Amino acid sequence: MTEAKEEQAKHDVLTSDDVSFDDIRPCRDDEVSGELKKIVSDKTVINSILRFRYPILSRHFSFFLTPLVRSYLKKSVAGIHTVKDFQKRVSDFMDHVISTTTDGVEYVGFDKFDRTKGYLFISNHRDISLDPAFIDKALYANNLDTVRIAIGDNLLRMPAATSLMRLNKSFIVKRSIASPREKLKALMHLSSYIGLSIKEGQSIWIAQREGRAKDGDDRTEDAVLKMISLYGRQLKQDFGEYMRSLNIVPVSITYEYDPNDIAKARELAERERNNGQYHKEEFEDIDTITLGIRGYKGRVKVVAGDPVRAGFNDATELASIIDSFVWKNYEMFPSALVSAGVTEGLRSQDVEKFKQHIAKVPADLRDRVLAMYSRPYANKKNIVE
Protein backbone atom coordinates (compact mmCIF):
# COMPACT_ATOMS: atom_id res chain seq x y z
CA MET A 1 0.00 0.00 0.00
CA THR A 2 1.39 3.42 -0.95
CA GLU A 3 1.77 6.19 1.63
CA ALA A 4 -1.09 8.09 -0.03
CA LYS A 5 -3.40 5.09 0.29
CA GLU A 6 -2.31 4.52 3.88
CA GLU A 7 -3.18 8.14 4.68
CA GLN A 8 -6.58 7.75 3.00
CA ALA A 9 -7.21 4.53 4.94
CA LYS A 10 -6.69 6.43 8.21
CA HIS A 11 -9.46 8.85 7.29
CA ASP A 12 -11.76 5.98 6.29
CA VAL A 13 -11.72 4.64 9.87
CA LEU A 14 -14.94 6.02 11.33
CA THR A 15 -15.66 3.54 14.12
CA SER A 16 -13.80 1.88 16.97
CA ASP A 17 -15.13 -1.46 15.67
CA ASP A 18 -13.01 -1.16 12.53
CA VAL A 19 -10.80 -4.19 11.81
CA SER A 20 -7.75 -1.92 11.97
CA PHE A 21 -8.15 -1.90 15.77
CA ASP A 22 -8.17 -5.69 16.12
CA ASP A 23 -4.61 -5.57 17.47
CA ILE A 24 -5.57 -3.48 20.51
CA ARG A 25 -9.33 -3.68 21.10
CA PRO A 26 -11.21 -5.55 23.86
CA CYS A 27 -13.07 -8.80 23.36
CA ARG A 28 -16.35 -8.92 21.39
CA ASP A 29 -19.31 -11.04 22.41
CA ASP A 30 -18.66 -13.55 19.62
CA GLU A 31 -15.15 -14.11 21.02
CA VAL A 32 -16.14 -14.70 24.65
CA SER A 33 -16.41 -18.48 24.38
CA GLY A 34 -12.95 -18.79 22.81
CA GLU A 35 -11.30 -16.61 25.45
CA LEU A 36 -12.94 -18.57 28.27
CA LYS A 37 -11.68 -21.84 26.80
CA LYS A 38 -8.14 -20.44 26.87
CA ILE A 39 -8.50 -19.60 30.55
CA VAL A 40 -9.96 -22.90 31.77
CA SER A 41 -7.34 -24.94 29.90
CA ASP A 42 -4.37 -22.80 30.94
CA LYS A 43 -1.92 -24.81 33.07
CA THR A 44 -0.64 -21.70 34.86
CA VAL A 45 -4.16 -20.79 35.97
CA ILE A 46 -4.88 -24.30 37.20
CA ASN A 47 -1.55 -24.59 39.03
CA SER A 48 -2.09 -21.20 40.67
CA ILE A 49 -5.50 -22.26 41.96
CA LEU A 50 -4.04 -25.54 43.22
CA ARG A 51 -1.24 -23.77 45.10
CA PHE A 52 -3.68 -21.25 46.58
CA ARG A 53 -6.49 -23.64 47.58
CA TYR A 54 -4.44 -26.75 48.34
CA PRO A 55 -0.87 -25.61 49.20
CA ILE A 56 0.17 -28.95 50.72
CA LEU A 57 -1.90 -31.47 48.75
CA SER A 58 -0.96 -29.89 45.40
CA ARG A 59 2.69 -30.85 45.93
CA HIS A 60 1.90 -34.56 45.93
CA PHE A 61 -1.51 -35.02 44.31
CA SER A 62 -1.64 -32.47 41.50
CA PHE A 63 -2.27 -35.27 38.97
CA PHE A 64 -5.53 -36.04 40.82
CA LEU A 65 -6.58 -32.48 41.66
CA THR A 66 -5.89 -30.92 38.23
CA PRO A 67 -8.90 -32.45 36.42
CA LEU A 68 -11.14 -31.54 39.36
CA VAL A 69 -10.06 -27.90 39.17
CA ARG A 70 -10.48 -27.85 35.40
CA SER A 71 -14.00 -29.27 35.76
CA TYR A 72 -14.81 -26.65 38.41
CA LEU A 73 -13.60 -23.84 36.13
CA LYS A 74 -15.69 -25.09 33.21
CA LYS A 75 -18.82 -25.15 35.38
CA SER A 76 -18.02 -21.69 36.73
CA VAL A 77 -17.93 -20.09 33.26
CA ALA A 78 -20.76 -22.13 31.75
CA GLY A 79 -23.25 -19.27 32.05
CA ILE A 80 -20.99 -16.61 30.54
CA HIS A 81 -21.87 -15.85 26.91
CA THR A 82 -21.30 -12.10 26.58
CA VAL A 83 -18.92 -9.45 27.87
CA LYS A 84 -21.75 -8.16 30.10
CA ASP A 85 -22.15 -11.63 31.57
CA PHE A 86 -18.45 -11.69 32.37
CA GLN A 87 -18.49 -8.22 33.89
CA LYS A 88 -21.43 -9.20 36.11
CA ARG A 89 -19.16 -11.94 37.53
CA VAL A 90 -16.39 -9.37 37.97
CA SER A 91 -18.82 -7.08 39.81
CA ASP A 92 -19.83 -9.92 42.11
CA PHE A 93 -16.15 -10.70 42.72
CA MET A 94 -15.49 -7.05 43.53
CA ASP A 95 -18.30 -7.15 46.09
CA HIS A 96 -16.41 -10.01 47.76
CA VAL A 97 -13.11 -8.09 47.59
CA ILE A 98 -14.74 -5.02 49.12
CA SER A 99 -16.38 -6.98 51.94
CA THR A 100 -13.26 -8.96 52.84
CA THR A 101 -10.34 -6.56 52.24
CA THR A 102 -11.72 -3.06 52.89
CA ASP A 103 -13.49 -1.17 55.66
CA GLY A 104 -15.91 0.25 53.13
CA VAL A 105 -15.83 2.15 49.83
CA GLU A 106 -17.31 5.61 49.25
CA TYR A 107 -18.16 6.81 45.74
CA VAL A 108 -18.73 10.52 45.09
CA GLY A 109 -19.84 12.31 41.93
CA PHE A 110 -20.79 9.37 39.72
CA ASP A 111 -24.53 10.08 39.78
CA LYS A 112 -24.32 13.08 37.44
CA PHE A 113 -23.20 11.48 34.18
CA ASP A 114 -25.32 11.15 31.03
CA ARG A 115 -25.62 7.49 30.01
CA THR A 116 -25.85 8.51 26.35
CA LYS A 117 -22.38 10.13 26.40
CA GLY A 118 -18.86 8.79 26.49
CA TYR A 119 -16.40 10.15 29.07
CA LEU A 120 -12.63 9.98 29.43
CA PHE A 121 -11.94 9.18 33.09
CA ILE A 122 -8.38 10.08 34.09
CA SER A 123 -7.38 9.05 37.60
CA ASN A 124 -4.35 8.87 39.80
CA HIS A 125 -2.74 5.44 39.58
CA ARG A 126 -2.06 3.38 42.70
CA ASP A 127 -3.19 -0.16 41.81
CA ILE A 128 -2.91 -1.91 38.44
CA SER A 129 -6.32 -3.58 38.40
CA LEU A 130 -8.34 -2.01 41.24
CA ASP A 131 -8.20 1.62 40.07
CA PRO A 132 -10.45 1.00 37.03
CA ALA A 133 -12.36 -1.74 38.90
CA PHE A 134 -13.56 0.72 41.55
CA ILE A 135 -14.54 3.23 38.86
CA ASP A 136 -16.50 0.47 37.12
CA LYS A 137 -18.26 -0.37 40.40
CA ALA A 138 -19.22 3.29 40.84
CA LEU A 139 -20.62 3.45 37.30
CA TYR A 140 -22.35 0.10 37.68
CA ALA A 141 -24.06 1.32 40.86
CA ASN A 142 -25.47 4.27 38.90
CA ASN A 143 -26.74 2.15 35.99
CA LEU A 144 -24.03 3.49 33.69
CA ASP A 145 -21.97 1.48 31.23
CA THR A 146 -18.52 0.40 32.35
CA VAL A 147 -15.31 1.79 30.88
CA ARG A 148 -12.91 0.49 28.28
CA ILE A 149 -9.65 0.14 30.21
CA ALA A 150 -6.22 1.17 28.91
CA ILE A 151 -3.55 -1.39 29.90
CA GLY A 152 0.14 -1.62 29.04
CA ASP A 153 1.34 -4.54 26.94
CA ASN A 154 3.68 -5.43 29.83
CA LEU A 155 0.65 -7.10 31.44
CA LEU A 156 0.14 -9.50 28.54
CA ARG A 157 2.91 -11.99 29.28
CA MET A 158 0.47 -14.70 30.37
CA PRO A 159 -2.12 -15.83 27.77
CA ALA A 160 -4.79 -16.36 30.43
CA ALA A 161 -4.21 -12.88 31.87
CA THR A 162 -4.56 -11.43 28.38
CA SER A 163 -7.88 -13.24 27.93
CA LEU A 164 -9.17 -12.04 31.31
CA MET A 165 -8.27 -8.43 30.57
CA ARG A 166 -9.77 -8.49 27.06
CA LEU A 167 -12.98 -9.96 28.49
CA ASN A 168 -13.04 -7.08 31.00
CA LYS A 169 -13.04 -4.47 28.19
CA SER A 170 -9.31 -3.72 28.29
CA PHE A 171 -7.48 -2.35 25.26
CA ILE A 172 -3.74 -2.36 24.73
CA VAL A 173 -1.20 0.44 25.05
CA LYS A 174 1.90 -0.73 23.18
CA ARG A 175 4.71 0.47 25.43
CA SER A 176 7.37 -2.01 24.35
CA ILE A 177 7.91 -0.69 20.82
CA ALA A 178 11.47 0.58 20.42
CA SER A 179 11.45 2.24 16.97
CA PRO A 180 10.48 5.94 17.26
CA ARG A 181 8.58 5.80 13.97
CA GLU A 182 6.64 2.67 14.92
CA LYS A 183 5.99 4.07 18.39
CA LEU A 184 4.46 7.24 16.96
CA LYS A 185 2.34 5.14 14.62
CA ALA A 186 1.11 3.04 17.56
CA LEU A 187 0.31 6.16 19.60
CA MET A 188 -1.69 7.64 16.71
CA HIS A 189 -3.55 4.34 16.43
CA LEU A 190 -4.30 4.33 20.16
CA SER A 191 -5.39 7.97 20.17
CA SER A 192 -7.80 7.29 17.30
CA TYR A 193 -9.30 4.35 19.16
CA ILE A 194 -9.86 6.47 22.29
CA GLY A 195 -11.35 9.38 20.35
CA LEU A 196 -13.72 7.22 18.31
CA SER A 197 -14.83 5.24 21.37
CA ILE A 198 -15.86 8.40 23.22
CA LYS A 199 -17.58 9.81 20.13
CA GLU A 200 -19.65 6.60 20.04
CA GLY A 201 -20.67 6.96 23.69
CA GLN A 202 -18.16 4.42 25.05
CA SER A 203 -16.34 5.69 28.14
CA ILE A 204 -12.60 5.16 28.62
CA TRP A 205 -10.36 4.91 31.69
CA ILE A 206 -6.69 5.76 31.49
CA ALA A 207 -4.18 6.43 34.26
CA GLN A 208 -2.73 9.92 34.59
CA ARG A 209 0.77 8.48 34.13
CA GLU A 210 2.62 5.47 32.81
CA GLY A 211 3.12 3.23 35.82
CA ARG A 212 1.83 3.60 39.36
CA ALA A 213 2.81 6.50 41.62
CA LYS A 214 5.08 4.36 43.75
CA ASP A 215 6.29 7.33 45.79
CA GLY A 216 2.75 8.58 46.46
CA ASP A 217 3.23 11.66 44.27
CA ASP A 218 0.17 11.74 41.99
CA ARG A 219 1.09 13.82 38.94
CA THR A 220 -0.33 13.75 35.42
CA GLU A 221 2.24 13.20 32.69
CA ASP A 222 2.00 15.68 29.83
CA ALA A 223 2.95 12.83 27.49
CA VAL A 224 -0.28 10.95 28.28
CA LEU A 225 -2.39 13.99 27.39
CA LYS A 226 -0.38 14.71 24.25
CA MET A 227 -0.92 11.11 23.11
CA ILE A 228 -4.66 11.44 23.65
CA SER A 229 -4.70 14.67 21.61
CA LEU A 230 -3.05 13.15 18.51
CA TYR A 231 -6.37 12.17 16.94
CA GLY A 232 -7.53 15.76 17.35
CA ARG A 233 -4.55 16.93 15.31
CA GLN A 234 -5.58 14.48 12.60
CA LEU A 235 -9.03 16.09 12.68
CA LYS A 236 -7.38 19.54 12.38
CA GLN A 237 -8.62 20.63 15.83
CA ASP A 238 -6.49 22.55 18.30
CA PHE A 239 -5.58 20.97 21.63
CA GLY A 240 -8.16 22.78 23.76
CA GLU A 241 -11.06 22.26 21.36
CA TYR A 242 -10.43 18.55 20.90
CA MET A 243 -9.72 17.71 24.53
CA ARG A 244 -12.90 19.48 25.65
CA SER A 245 -14.87 17.28 23.24
CA LEU A 246 -13.66 14.16 25.10
CA ASN A 247 -15.54 14.97 28.31
CA ILE A 248 -12.43 14.51 30.45
CA VAL A 249 -13.37 13.63 34.03
CA PRO A 250 -10.62 13.76 36.69
CA VAL A 251 -10.94 11.07 39.35
CA SER A 252 -9.21 10.92 42.73
CA ILE A 253 -8.77 7.47 44.29
CA THR A 254 -7.62 7.00 47.88
CA TYR A 255 -6.62 3.73 49.55
CA GLU A 256 -6.13 4.09 53.29
CA TYR A 257 -3.63 1.24 53.18
CA ASP A 258 -1.69 0.08 50.11
CA PRO A 259 -1.17 -3.72 50.01
CA ASN A 260 1.85 -3.14 47.75
CA ASP A 261 3.50 -0.40 49.82
CA ILE A 262 6.55 -2.50 50.77
CA ALA A 263 7.00 -3.80 47.23
CA LYS A 264 6.84 -0.26 45.85
CA ALA A 265 9.40 0.98 48.41
CA ARG A 266 11.69 -1.94 47.59
CA GLU A 267 11.57 -1.11 43.88
CA LEU A 268 12.35 2.56 44.54
CA ALA A 269 15.31 1.56 46.73
CA GLU A 270 16.70 -0.72 44.01
CA ARG A 271 16.33 2.01 41.38
CA GLU A 272 18.22 4.43 43.62
CA ARG A 273 21.07 1.94 44.08
CA ASN A 274 21.25 1.08 40.35
CA ASN A 275 21.04 4.46 38.61
CA GLY A 276 17.31 4.15 37.90
CA GLN A 277 17.46 0.52 36.77
CA TYR A 278 15.12 -2.12 38.14
CA HIS A 279 14.98 -5.82 37.29
CA LYS A 280 11.36 -6.98 37.10
CA GLU A 281 10.63 -10.69 37.44
CA GLU A 282 8.73 -12.31 34.57
CA PHE A 283 5.34 -12.49 36.30
CA GLU A 284 5.87 -9.71 38.85
CA ASP A 285 3.00 -7.61 37.50
CA ILE A 286 0.60 -10.53 37.94
CA ASP A 287 1.84 -11.04 41.51
CA THR A 288 1.33 -7.32 42.14
CA ILE A 289 -2.25 -7.52 40.87
CA THR A 290 -2.94 -10.52 43.10
CA LEU A 291 -1.51 -8.83 46.20
CA GLY A 292 -3.45 -5.65 45.46
CA ILE A 293 -6.71 -7.59 45.24
CA ARG A 294 -6.18 -9.87 48.24
CA GLY A 295 -4.42 -7.38 50.55
CA TYR A 296 -6.03 -5.18 53.20
CA LYS A 297 -6.89 -1.70 51.94
CA GLY A 298 -8.72 -0.10 54.86
CA ARG A 299 -11.14 2.55 53.67
CA VAL A 300 -11.35 3.48 49.98
CA LYS A 301 -12.74 6.68 48.48
CA VAL A 302 -13.35 7.37 44.78
CA VAL A 303 -14.32 10.91 43.73
CA ALA A 304 -15.26 11.96 40.18
CA GLY A 305 -15.22 15.58 39.09
CA ASP A 306 -17.14 17.42 36.38
CA PRO A 307 -15.89 17.24 32.79
CA VAL A 308 -13.07 19.77 32.34
CA ARG A 309 -14.40 22.49 30.04
CA ALA A 310 -12.10 25.48 30.52
CA GLY A 311 -8.86 26.82 31.95
CA PHE A 312 -6.38 25.12 29.64
CA ASN A 313 -4.86 25.51 26.19
CA ASP A 314 -2.09 22.93 26.34
CA ALA A 315 -1.12 19.66 28.03
CA THR A 316 0.72 21.32 30.92
CA GLU A 317 -2.27 23.45 31.91
CA LEU A 318 -4.68 20.51 31.61
CA ALA A 319 -2.35 18.32 33.69
CA SER A 320 -2.32 20.99 36.40
CA ILE A 321 -6.14 21.01 36.53
CA ILE A 322 -6.28 17.23 36.86
CA ASP A 323 -3.57 17.23 39.53
CA SER A 324 -5.30 19.90 41.58
CA PHE A 325 -8.53 17.90 41.54
CA VAL A 326 -6.77 14.67 42.56
CA TRP A 327 -4.88 16.36 45.40
CA LYS A 328 -7.89 18.34 46.67
CA ASN A 329 -10.14 15.27 46.76
CA TYR A 330 -7.57 12.79 48.07
CA GLU A 331 -8.99 11.69 51.42
CA MET A 332 -6.77 12.43 54.40
CA PHE A 333 -7.15 9.11 56.19
CA PRO A 334 -5.06 8.58 59.34
CA SER A 335 -2.38 6.80 57.28
CA ALA A 336 -1.69 10.05 55.42
CA LEU A 337 -1.93 12.29 58.48
CA VAL A 338 0.08 10.18 60.93
CA SER A 339 2.86 9.68 58.37
CA ALA A 340 2.94 13.47 57.92
CA GLY A 341 3.21 13.97 61.68
CA VAL A 342 -0.35 15.26 62.07
CA THR A 343 -2.22 13.45 64.86
CA GLU A 344 -4.36 16.19 66.37
CA GLY A 345 -8.02 15.23 66.32
CA LEU A 346 -7.37 11.61 65.36
CA ARG A 347 -8.63 8.69 67.42
CA SER A 348 -5.82 7.04 69.37
CA GLN A 349 -6.75 3.61 67.97
CA ASP A 350 -6.35 4.89 64.38
CA VAL A 351 -2.94 6.32 65.19
CA GLU A 352 -1.86 3.09 66.85
CA LYS A 353 -3.19 0.98 63.98
CA PHE A 354 -1.03 2.81 61.45
CA LYS A 355 2.02 2.70 63.71
CA GLN A 356 1.61 -1.05 64.02
CA HIS A 357 1.41 -1.29 60.24
CA ILE A 358 4.64 0.67 59.82
CA ALA A 359 6.34 -1.46 62.48
CA LYS A 360 5.91 -4.46 60.16
CA VAL A 361 7.79 -2.71 57.35
CA PRO A 362 11.49 -3.66 57.08
CA ALA A 363 13.54 -1.01 58.90
CA ASP A 364 15.50 0.01 55.79
CA LEU A 365 12.24 0.77 53.92
CA ARG A 366 10.23 2.54 56.61
CA ASP A 367 11.19 6.08 55.66
CA ARG A 368 10.21 5.41 52.05
CA VAL A 369 6.85 3.95 53.03
CA LEU A 370 6.15 6.86 55.37
CA ALA A 371 7.05 9.31 52.59
CA MET A 372 4.72 7.44 50.24
CA TYR A 373 1.76 7.83 52.60
CA SER A 374 2.54 11.44 53.53
CA ARG A 375 3.12 12.86 50.02
CA PRO A 376 -0.61 13.46 49.30
CA TYR A 377 -0.80 15.58 52.46
CA ALA A 378 2.03 17.77 51.17
CA ASN A 379 0.45 17.98 47.71
CA LYS A 380 -2.90 18.97 49.18
CA LYS A 381 -1.29 21.79 51.13
CA ASN A 382 0.36 23.14 47.98
CA ILE A 383 -2.71 23.28 45.72
CA VAL A 384 -2.78 26.42 43.58
CA GLU A 385 -6.42 27.43 43.16
Foldseek 3Di string as FASTA:
>chain_A
DDPVVVLVVVVVPQALPDPVQVQWWFDFLVCLVVLLVCQLPDPVNLLVCCCVVPVPCCVPPVVPCSVVSSVVSCVVCVPPRGLVSVVVVVLVVVVVLCVQFEPEEAEADLQPDDQQFAAEEEEAFAAQPVVLVVVQNSCVVNVHHGAQEEDECLQPLGSSSSSSNSSNNYTYQDPPDDDPVVNLVSLLVVLVSLLNCRVRSHYHYDYQDPDHPLLQQGFRDLVVLVSNCNVVVVVVHASLVSLLVNQYKAKAKEFLDALCNLVSLVQVVVCVVVVRDGDDDSCNSVVRNVSRSNHHRYYMYMYIDGRDRDQDRGSVRVRLVSLLVRLQPHDPQVLQQVLQVHCPPHDPVSNVVNVVVLVPRPPVRSNSSSSNSNVSVVSNVPRDD
